[in-house]
């Protein structure tokens, strides 16, 4: 599992960083993202590109997103 911490980055850096990192993953690899807000625009991109994700709110107010490719 690859991990990516984009907490505190100004927009659009979290989206761009996540999108770039997803391009480097192998087919069944999972990307764990830590982010400071829920990224609704990212979900639209993931849906259109064939990814599945699970989002969990963390106790400190941040979010953890686990992303996998569904193809």
PDB file of N, CA and C in Angstrom:
ATOM      1  N   UNK A   1       0.849  -1.175   0.000  1.00  0.00           N
ATOM      2  CA  UNK A   1       0.000   0.000   0.000  1.00  0.00           C
ATOM      3  C   UNK A   1       0.894   1.238   0.000  1.00  0.00           C
ATOM      4  N   UNK A   2       0.628   2.111  -0.923  1.00  0.00           N
ATOM      5  CA  UNK A   2       1.370   3.367  -0.982  1.00  0.00           C
ATOM      6  C   UNK A   2       0.608   4.417  -0.178  1.00  0.00           C
ATOM      7  N   UNK A   3       1.326   5.297   0.518  1.00  0.00           N
ATOM      8  CA  UNK A   3       0.694   6.323   1.338  1.00  0.00           C
ATOM      9  C   UNK A   3       1.056   7.700   0.827  1.00  0.00           C
ATOM     10  N   UNK A   4       0.085   8.617   0.930  1.00  0.00           N
ATOM     11  CA  UNK A   4       0.256   9.976   0.457  1.00  0.00           C
ATOM     12  C   UNK A   4      -0.401  10.915   1.456  1.00  0.00           C
ATOM     13  N   UNK A   5       0.356  11.875   1.965  1.00  0.00           N
ATOM     14  CA  UNK A   5      -0.165  12.844   2.927  1.00  0.00           C
ATOM     15  C   UNK A   5      -0.214  14.205   2.242  1.00  0.00           C
ATOM     16  N   UNK A   6      -1.420  14.673   1.953  1.00  0.00           N
ATOM     17  CA  UNK A   6      -1.586  15.966   1.292  1.00  0.00           C
ATOM     18  C   UNK A   6      -2.270  16.977   2.214  1.00  0.00           C
ATOM     19  N   UNK A   7      -2.273  16.689   3.503  1.00  0.00           N
ATOM     20  CA  UNK A   7      -2.899  17.599   4.465  1.00  0.00           C
ATOM     21  C   UNK A   7      -2.188  18.944   4.447  1.00  0.00           C
ATOM     22  N   UNK A   8      -2.980  19.995   4.394  1.00  0.00           N
ATOM     23  CA  UNK A   8      -2.443  21.342   4.479  1.00  0.00           C
ATOM     24  C   UNK A   8      -1.988  21.935   3.159  1.00  0.00           C
ATOM     25  N   UNK A   9      -1.948  21.149   2.087  1.00  0.00           N
ATOM     26  CA  UNK A   9      -1.563  21.718   0.797  1.00  0.00           C
ATOM     27  C   UNK A   9      -2.699  22.584   0.263  1.00  0.00           C
ATOM     28  N   UNK A  10      -2.374  23.717  -0.363  1.00  0.00           N
ATOM     29  CA  UNK A  10      -3.435  24.578  -0.905  1.00  0.00           C
ATOM     30  C   UNK A  10      -3.995  23.989  -2.205  1.00  0.00           C
ATOM     31  N   UNK A  11      -5.275  24.249  -2.481  1.00  0.00           N
ATOM     32  CA  UNK A  11      -5.856  23.784  -3.742  1.00  0.00           C
ATOM     33  C   UNK A  11      -5.125  24.425  -4.923  1.00  0.00           C
ATOM     34  N   UNK A  12      -4.956  23.736  -6.005  1.00  0.00           N
ATOM     35  CA  UNK A  12      -5.416  22.386  -6.350  1.00  0.00           C
ATOM     36  C   UNK A  12      -4.358  21.321  -6.108  1.00  0.00           C
ATOM     37  N   UNK A  13      -3.326  21.619  -5.302  1.00  0.00           N
ATOM     38  CA  UNK A  13      -2.209  20.679  -5.115  1.00  0.00           C
ATOM     39  C   UNK A  13      -2.634  19.296  -4.617  1.00  0.00           C
ATOM     40  N   UNK A  14      -3.551  19.161  -3.647  1.00  0.00           N
ATOM     41  CA  UNK A  14      -3.933  17.802  -3.225  1.00  0.00           C
ATOM     42  C   UNK A  14      -4.499  16.984  -4.382  1.00  0.00           C
ATOM     43  N   UNK A  15      -5.420  17.568  -5.155  1.00  0.00           N
ATOM     44  CA  UNK A  15      -6.022  16.872  -6.294  1.00  0.00           C
ATOM     45  C   UNK A  15      -4.956  16.473  -7.305  1.00  0.00           C
ATOM     46  N   UNK A  16      -4.087  17.400  -7.667  1.00  0.00           N
ATOM     47  CA  UNK A  16      -3.052  17.133  -8.665  1.00  0.00           C
ATOM     48  C   UNK A  16      -2.074  16.071  -8.187  1.00  0.00           C
ATOM     49  N   UNK A  17      -1.689  16.133  -6.926  1.00  0.00           N
ATOM     50  CA  UNK A  17      -0.747  15.168  -6.364  1.00  0.00           C
ATOM     51  C   UNK A  17      -1.348  13.767  -6.341  1.00  0.00           C
ATOM     52  N   UNK A  18      -2.603  13.673  -5.941  1.00  0.00           N
ATOM     53  CA  UNK A  18      -3.281  12.374  -5.899  1.00  0.00           C
ATOM     54  C   UNK A  18      -3.418  11.813  -7.312  1.00  0.00           C
ATOM     55  N   UNK A  19      -3.861  12.641  -8.263  1.00  0.00           N
ATOM     56  CA  UNK A  19      -4.039  12.183  -9.648  1.00  0.00           C
ATOM     57  C   UNK A  19      -2.720  11.693 -10.230  1.00  0.00           C
ATOM     58  N   UNK A  20      -1.639  12.408  -9.982  1.00  0.00           N
ATOM     59  CA  UNK A  20      -0.326  11.991 -10.496  1.00  0.00           C
ATOM     60  C   UNK A  20       0.109  10.670  -9.862  1.00  0.00           C
ATOM     61  N   UNK A  21      -0.076  10.532  -8.566  1.00  0.00           N
ATOM     62  CA  UNK A  21       0.330   9.321  -7.860  1.00  0.00           C
ATOM     63  C   UNK A  21      -0.466   8.119  -8.339  1.00  0.00           C
ATOM     64  N   UNK A  22      -1.750   8.288  -8.615  1.00  0.00           N
ATOM     65  CA  UNK A  22      -2.568   7.180  -9.104  1.00  0.00           C
ATOM     66  C   UNK A  22      -2.030   6.628 -10.419  1.00  0.00           C
ATOM     67  N   UNK A  23      -1.449   7.469 -11.243  1.00  0.00           N
ATOM     68  CA  UNK A  23      -0.899   7.023 -12.520  1.00  0.00           C
ATOM     69  C   UNK A  23       0.314   6.118 -12.344  1.00  0.00           C
ATOM     70  N   UNK A  24       0.954   6.161 -11.184  1.00  0.00           N
ATOM     71  CA  UNK A  24       2.158   5.370 -10.943  1.00  0.00           C
ATOM     72  C   UNK A  24       1.870   4.028 -10.264  1.00  0.00           C
ATOM     73  N   UNK A  25       0.630   3.790  -9.857  1.00  0.00           N
ATOM     74  CA  UNK A  25       0.292   2.562  -9.131  1.00  0.00           C
ATOM     75  C   UNK A  25       0.162   1.376 -10.065  1.00  0.00           C
ATOM     76  N   UNK A  26       0.490   0.204  -9.542  1.00  0.00           N
ATOM     77  CA  UNK A  26       0.233  -1.026 -10.286  1.00  0.00           C
ATOM     78  C   UNK A  26      -1.259  -1.332 -10.191  1.00  0.00           C
ATOM     79  N   UNK A  27      -1.734  -2.255 -10.997  1.00  0.00           N
ATOM     80  CA  UNK A  27      -3.153  -2.552 -11.129  1.00  0.00           C
ATOM     81  C   UNK A  27      -3.928  -2.779  -9.850  1.00  0.00           C
ATOM     82  N   UNK A  28      -3.403  -3.548  -8.916  1.00  0.00           N
ATOM     83  CA  UNK A  28      -4.152  -3.885  -7.706  1.00  0.00           C
ATOM     84  C   UNK A  28      -3.647  -3.165  -6.460  1.00  0.00           C
ATOM     85  N   UNK A  29      -2.719  -2.249  -6.623  1.00  0.00           N
ATOM     86  CA  UNK A  29      -2.162  -1.534  -5.480  1.00  0.00           C
ATOM     87  C   UNK A  29      -3.174  -0.532  -4.933  1.00  0.00           C
ATOM     88  N   UNK A  30      -3.144  -0.343  -3.618  1.00  0.00           N
ATOM     89  CA  UNK A  30      -4.031   0.611  -2.950  1.00  0.00           C
ATOM     90  C   UNK A  30      -3.247   1.862  -2.584  1.00  0.00           C
ATOM     91  N   UNK A  31      -3.894   3.007  -2.754  1.00  0.00           N
ATOM     92  CA  UNK A  31      -3.307   4.276  -2.340  1.00  0.00           C
ATOM     93  C   UNK A  31      -4.054   4.762  -1.113  1.00  0.00           C
ATOM     94  N   UNK A  32      -3.322   4.997  -0.040  1.00  0.00           N
ATOM     95  CA  UNK A  32      -3.897   5.549   1.193  1.00  0.00           C
ATOM     96  C   UNK A  32      -3.573   7.034   1.217  1.00  0.00           C
ATOM     97  N   UNK A  33      -4.618   7.865   1.239  1.00  0.00           N
ATOM     98  CA  UNK A  33      -4.451   9.316   1.215  1.00  0.00           C
ATOM     99  C   UNK A  33      -4.927   9.897   2.540  1.00  0.00           C
ATOM    100  N   UNK A  34      -4.123  10.780   3.104  1.00  0.00           N
ATOM    101  CA  UNK A  34      -4.529  11.566   4.266  1.00  0.00           C
ATOM    102  C   UNK A  34      -4.733  12.989   3.768  1.00  0.00           C
ATOM    103  N   UNK A  35      -5.906  13.552   4.057  1.00  0.00           N
ATOM    104  CA  UNK A  35      -6.248  14.878   3.545  1.00  0.00           C
ATOM    105  C   UNK A  35      -7.059  15.634   4.604  1.00  0.00           C
ATOM    106  N   UNK A  36      -6.967  16.953   4.588  1.00  0.00           N
ATOM    107  CA  UNK A  36      -7.581  17.774   5.624  1.00  0.00           C
ATOM    108  C   UNK A  36      -9.054  18.100   5.397  1.00  0.00           C
ATOM    109  N   UNK A  37      -9.587  17.792   4.214  1.00  0.00           N
ATOM    110  CA  UNK A  37     -11.015  17.990   3.965  1.00  0.00           C
ATOM    111  C   UNK A  37     -11.499  16.928   2.988  1.00  0.00           C
ATOM    112  N   UNK A  38     -12.792  16.722   2.942  1.00  0.00           N
ATOM    113  CA  UNK A  38     -13.317  15.701   2.036  1.00  0.00           C
ATOM    114  C   UNK A  38     -13.284  16.243   0.604  1.00  0.00           C
ATOM    115  N   UNK A  39     -12.603  15.543  -0.310  1.00  0.00           N
ATOM    116  CA  UNK A  39     -12.360  16.061  -1.665  1.00  0.00           C
ATOM    117  C   UNK A  39     -13.421  15.634  -2.681  1.00  0.00           C
ATOM    118  N   UNK A  40     -14.567  16.280  -2.654  1.00  0.00           N
ATOM    119  CA  UNK A  40     -15.666  15.889  -3.546  1.00  0.00           C
ATOM    120  C   UNK A  40     -15.284  15.921  -5.028  1.00  0.00           C
ATOM    121  N   UNK A  41     -14.517  16.903  -5.525  1.00  0.00           N
ATOM    122  CA  UNK A  41     -14.121  16.860  -6.940  1.00  0.00           C
ATOM    123  C   UNK A  41     -13.278  15.624  -7.273  1.00  0.00           C
ATOM    124  N   UNK A  42     -12.472  15.161  -6.317  1.00  0.00           N
ATOM    125  CA  UNK A  42     -11.673  13.953  -6.534  1.00  0.00           C
ATOM    126  C   UNK A  42     -12.576  12.748  -6.752  1.00  0.00           C
ATOM    127  N   UNK A  43     -13.666  12.652  -5.999  1.00  0.00           N
ATOM    128  CA  UNK A  43     -14.569  11.515  -6.136  1.00  0.00           C
ATOM    129  C   UNK A  43     -15.130  11.427  -7.548  1.00  0.00           C
ATOM    130  N   UNK A  44     -15.461  12.560  -8.141  1.00  0.00           N
ATOM    131  CA  UNK A  44     -15.982  12.567  -9.517  1.00  0.00           C
ATOM    132  C   UNK A  44     -14.937  12.045 -10.491  1.00  0.00           C
ATOM    133  N   UNK A  45     -13.688  12.476 -10.315  1.00  0.00           N
ATOM    134  CA  UNK A  45     -12.615  12.013 -11.183  1.00  0.00           C
ATOM    135  C   UNK A  45     -12.396  10.509 -10.999  1.00  0.00           C
ATOM    136  N   UNK A  46     -12.397  10.042  -9.765  1.00  0.00           N
ATOM    137  CA  UNK A  46     -12.189   8.622  -9.491  1.00  0.00           C
ATOM    138  C   UNK A  46     -13.293   7.781 -10.122  1.00  0.00           C
ATOM    139  N   UNK A  47     -14.518   8.222  -9.988  1.00  0.00           N
ATOM    140  CA  UNK A  47     -15.663   7.490 -10.545  1.00  0.00           C
ATOM    141  C   UNK A  47     -15.511   7.362 -12.061  1.00  0.00           C
ATOM    142  N   UNK A  48     -15.159   8.446 -12.721  1.00  0.00           N
ATOM    143  CA  UNK A  48     -15.015   8.446 -14.168  1.00  0.00           C
ATOM    144  C   UNK A  48     -13.827   7.655 -14.674  1.00  0.00           C
ATOM    145  N   UNK A  49     -12.809   7.487 -13.824  1.00  0.00           N
ATOM    146  CA  UNK A  49     -11.586   6.797 -14.235  1.00  0.00           C
ATOM    147  C   UNK A  49     -11.546   5.337 -13.797  1.00  0.00           C
ATOM    148  N   UNK A  50     -12.618   4.835 -13.191  1.00  0.00           N
ATOM    149  CA  UNK A  50     -12.677   3.422 -12.834  1.00  0.00           C
ATOM    150  C   UNK A  50     -12.008   3.059 -11.523  1.00  0.00           C
ATOM    151  N   UNK A  51     -12.055   3.959 -10.550  1.00  0.00           N
ATOM    152  CA  UNK A  51     -11.483   3.665  -9.235  1.00  0.00           C
ATOM    153  C   UNK A  51     -12.598   3.482  -8.213  1.00  0.00           C
ATOM    154  N   UNK A  52     -12.316   2.695  -7.203  1.00  0.00           N
ATOM    155  CA  UNK A  52     -13.194   2.553  -6.043  1.00  0.00           C
ATOM    156  C   UNK A  52     -12.466   3.185  -4.863  1.00  0.00           C
ATOM    157  N   UNK A  53     -13.208   3.701  -3.912  1.00  0.00           N
ATOM    158  CA  UNK A  53     -12.583   4.329  -2.753  1.00  0.00           C
ATOM    159  C   UNK A  53     -13.458   4.148  -1.524  1.00  0.00           C
ATOM    160  N   UNK A  54     -12.807   4.277  -0.398  1.00  0.00           N
ATOM    161  CA  UNK A  54     -13.483   4.241   0.901  1.00  0.00           C
ATOM    162  C   UNK A  54     -12.930   5.389   1.714  1.00  0.00           C
ATOM    163  N   UNK A  55     -13.805   6.240   2.209  1.00  0.00           N
ATOM    164  CA  UNK A  55     -13.405   7.412   2.979  1.00  0.00           C
ATOM    165  C   UNK A  55     -13.801   7.225   4.434  1.00  0.00           C
ATOM    166  N   UNK A  56     -12.890   7.571   5.340  1.00  0.00           N
ATOM    167  CA  UNK A  56     -13.177   7.515   6.769  1.00  0.00           C
ATOM    168  C   UNK A  56     -12.750   8.831   7.404  1.00  0.00           C
ATOM    169  N   UNK A  57     -13.628   9.385   8.222  1.00  0.00           N
ATOM    170  CA  UNK A  57     -13.290  10.584   8.985  1.00  0.00           C
ATOM    171  C   UNK A  57     -12.436  10.168  10.173  1.00  0.00           C
ATOM    172  N   UNK A  58     -11.334  10.868  10.379  1.00  0.00           N
ATOM    173  CA  UNK A  58     -10.451  10.587  11.498  1.00  0.00           C
ATOM    174  C   UNK A  58     -10.837  11.451  12.695  1.00  0.00           C
ATOM    175  N   UNK A  59     -10.411  11.055  13.871  1.00  0.00           N
ATOM    176  CA  UNK A  59     -10.791  11.771  15.082  1.00  0.00           C
ATOM    177  C   UNK A  59     -10.296  13.209  15.108  1.00  0.00           C
ATOM    178  N   UNK A  60      -9.199  13.492  14.408  1.00  0.00           N
ATOM    179  CA  UNK A  60      -8.657  14.855  14.416  1.00  0.00           C
ATOM    180  C   UNK A  60      -9.318  15.773  13.382  1.00  0.00           C
ATOM    181  N   UNK A  61     -10.336  15.259  12.663  1.00  0.00           N
ATOM    182  CA  UNK A  61     -11.044  16.062  11.676  1.00  0.00           C
ATOM    183  C   UNK A  61     -10.541  15.878  10.252  1.00  0.00           C
ATOM    184  N   UNK A  62      -9.421  15.188  10.078  1.00  0.00           N
ATOM    185  CA  UNK A  62      -8.901  14.899   8.751  1.00  0.00           C
ATOM    186  C   UNK A  62      -9.620  13.669   8.186  1.00  0.00           C
ATOM    187  N   UNK A  63      -9.271  13.292   6.956  1.00  0.00           N
ATOM    188  CA  UNK A  63      -9.895  12.146   6.307  1.00  0.00           C
ATOM    189  C   UNK A  63      -8.830  11.191   5.784  1.00  0.00           C
ATOM    190  N   UNK A  64      -9.168   9.909   5.807  1.00  0.00           N
ATOM    191  CA  UNK A  64      -8.354   8.864   5.200  1.00  0.00           C
ATOM    192  C   UNK A  64      -9.161   8.299   4.043  1.00  0.00           C
ATOM    193  N   UNK A  65      -8.521   8.225   2.861  1.00  0.00           N
ATOM    194  CA  UNK A  65      -9.187   7.685   1.693  1.00  0.00           C
ATOM    195  C   UNK A  65      -8.325   6.540   1.166  1.00  0.00           C
ATOM    196  N   UNK A  66      -8.938   5.380   0.983  1.00  0.00           N
ATOM    197  CA  UNK A  66      -8.272   4.222   0.404  1.00  0.00           C
ATOM    198  C   UNK A  66      -8.792   4.073  -1.019  1.00  0.00           C
ATOM    199  N   UNK A  67      -7.884   4.142  -2.002  1.00  0.00           N
ATOM    200  CA  UNK A  67      -8.276   4.137  -3.415  1.00  0.00           C
ATOM    201  C   UNK A  67      -7.673   2.932  -4.110  1.00  0.00           C
ATOM    202  N   UNK A  68      -8.503   2.200  -4.872  1.00  0.00           N
ATOM    203  CA  UNK A  68      -8.036   1.075  -5.671  1.00  0.00           C
ATOM    204  C   UNK A  68      -8.656   1.171  -7.066  1.00  0.00           C
ATOM    205  N   UNK A  69      -7.975   0.615  -8.046  1.00  0.00           N
ATOM    206  CA  UNK A  69      -8.487   0.593  -9.402  1.00  0.00           C
ATOM    207  C   UNK A  69      -9.427  -0.600  -9.556  1.00  0.00           C
ATOM    208  N   UNK A  70     -10.568  -0.408 -10.171  1.00  0.00           N
ATOM    209  CA  UNK A  70     -11.564  -1.481 -10.264  1.00  0.00           C
ATOM    210  C   UNK A  70     -11.493  -2.252 -11.573  1.00  0.00           C
ATOM    211  N   UNK A  71     -10.674  -1.806 -12.513  1.00  0.00           N
ATOM    212  CA  UNK A  71     -10.588  -2.493 -13.812  1.00  0.00           C
ATOM    213  C   UNK A  71      -9.933  -3.816 -13.603  1.00  0.00           C
TER     214      UNK A  71
END
